[in-house]
């Protein structure tokens, strides 16, 4: 369980940084991180970091895949953690 929490924390940090970097690149009209990469980072355990970055940087907040998908991923992650914790 402890390892799983560490993996989720690292994935969340990576997702947060990716969203922050993508926002910075968007402001500079530079090459961007593909949306699929951002979504995969959220799906693979980084939904909490992705949500935090979306709210902090107001990034990807008009895209339905992000405004609906990332919160659903977070709910799924929490449910999975609770399931593992109480089994």
Protein backbone atom coordinates (compact mmCIF):
# COMPACT_ATOMS: atom_id res chain seq x y z
CA UNK A 1 0.00 0.00 0.00
CA UNK A 2 2.83 2.36 0.88
CA UNK A 3 4.42 1.78 -2.53
CA UNK A 4 1.13 2.50 -4.28
CA UNK A 5 0.80 5.82 -2.45
CA UNK A 6 4.35 6.76 -3.49
CA UNK A 7 3.62 5.85 -7.12
CA UNK A 8 0.46 7.98 -7.11
CA UNK A 9 2.32 10.89 -5.50
CA UNK A 10 5.06 10.74 -8.14
CA UNK A 11 2.52 10.40 -10.97
CA UNK A 12 0.60 13.39 -9.59
CA UNK A 13 3.76 15.47 -9.41
CA UNK A 14 4.67 14.54 -12.99
CA UNK A 15 1.16 15.38 -14.21
CA UNK A 16 1.19 18.71 -12.35
CA UNK A 17 4.54 19.63 -13.90
CA UNK A 18 3.43 18.56 -17.38
CA UNK A 19 0.29 20.71 -17.16
CA UNK A 20 2.31 23.66 -15.84
CA UNK A 21 4.91 23.34 -18.60
CA UNK A 22 2.20 22.99 -21.24
CA UNK A 23 0.52 26.17 -19.99
CA UNK A 24 3.82 28.02 -20.13
CA UNK A 25 4.43 26.75 -23.68
CA UNK A 26 0.91 27.79 -24.69
CA UNK A 27 1.58 31.35 -23.55
CA UNK A 28 4.77 31.38 -25.64
CA UNK A 29 3.03 29.90 -28.72
CA UNK A 30 5.65 27.15 -28.65
CA UNK A 31 5.52 23.40 -29.25
CA UNK A 32 3.02 21.83 -26.84
CA UNK A 33 2.70 18.62 -24.91
CA UNK A 34 0.08 16.50 -26.73
CA UNK A 35 -3.29 16.29 -24.99
CA UNK A 36 -3.08 12.50 -25.12
CA UNK A 37 0.10 12.60 -23.01
CA UNK A 38 -1.56 14.85 -20.43
CA UNK A 39 -4.58 12.56 -20.25
CA UNK A 40 -2.43 9.42 -19.93
CA UNK A 41 -0.45 11.01 -17.08
CA UNK A 42 -3.74 11.71 -15.31
CA UNK A 43 -5.06 8.22 -15.99
CA UNK A 44 -1.91 6.48 -14.79
CA UNK A 45 -2.23 7.87 -11.28
CA UNK A 46 -1.69 11.59 -11.76
CA UNK A 47 -5.30 12.79 -11.70
CA UNK A 48 -4.83 14.69 -8.43
CA UNK A 49 -1.86 16.62 -9.80
CA UNK A 50 -3.65 17.21 -13.09
CA UNK A 51 -6.72 18.61 -11.29
CA UNK A 52 -4.56 20.84 -9.11
CA UNK A 53 -2.72 22.21 -12.15
CA UNK A 54 -5.94 22.68 -14.11
CA UNK A 55 -7.35 24.79 -11.28
CA UNK A 56 -4.16 26.65 -10.44
CA UNK A 57 -3.19 27.56 -14.01
CA UNK A 58 -6.72 27.60 -15.55
CA UNK A 59 -5.37 25.19 -18.14
CA UNK A 60 -7.51 22.84 -20.27
CA UNK A 61 -10.60 24.00 -18.39
CA UNK A 62 -12.67 24.45 -21.57
CA UNK A 63 -11.94 20.96 -22.92
CA UNK A 64 -14.58 18.38 -21.99
CA UNK A 65 -12.07 15.49 -22.02
CA UNK A 66 -10.28 17.28 -19.20
CA UNK A 67 -13.13 18.90 -17.26
CA UNK A 68 -15.09 15.65 -17.09
CA UNK A 69 -12.46 12.98 -17.66
CA UNK A 70 -9.84 14.04 -15.13
CA UNK A 71 -12.30 14.34 -12.20
CA UNK A 72 -13.72 10.93 -13.11
CA UNK A 73 -10.20 9.53 -13.12
CA UNK A 74 -9.63 11.02 -9.66
CA UNK A 75 -12.83 9.43 -8.37
CA UNK A 76 -11.72 6.09 -9.80
CA UNK A 77 -8.28 6.42 -8.19
CA UNK A 78 -9.76 7.19 -4.78
CA UNK A 79 -12.24 4.32 -5.10
CA UNK A 80 -9.44 1.95 -6.06
CA UNK A 81 -7.31 3.07 -3.12
CA UNK A 82 -10.21 2.61 -0.71
CA UNK A 83 -10.95 -0.80 -2.18
CA UNK A 84 -7.34 -1.88 -1.72
CA UNK A 85 -7.15 -0.37 1.76
CA UNK A 86 -10.27 -2.08 3.06
CA UNK A 87 -9.89 -5.48 1.41
